[in-house]
């Protein structure tokens, strides 16, 4: 069984930074493709960033490209999301997600991820 626990959310002013952490328990973290999603009030959950098992490939939504960085530490079973230059529109609940093995073609739909964390709130004040 795979369990994901997010941390690091909070309240930050526009232009500030936060780093989210997702700790993954269970076997074979290095076999998991990891992603971050977010869901704002009244909106659907959307893909934010993804990272391949080895960490060699990363993917970003256009809205966060150049501001957010996803990374992972396979020895620690942890994935991070560094968020810089935050905007009010980044306010959402952020979820860590996982699926077995790297996708042949990147899919950013929630149904392609088998495991989810409970979410952490990020609020950006303007």
Foldseek 3Di string as FASTA:
>chain_A
DKAKAKDWADEEAAQAKTKMKIAIDDPDLLQKWKFKWWDDPPGDIWTAKIAASVRPDIDGDPVQPPFWDWGDDRVRRMIMIIGGRDDQVVWTWMKMFIAGHDDPDDDTDPVRTDYIYPTDTHGYHD
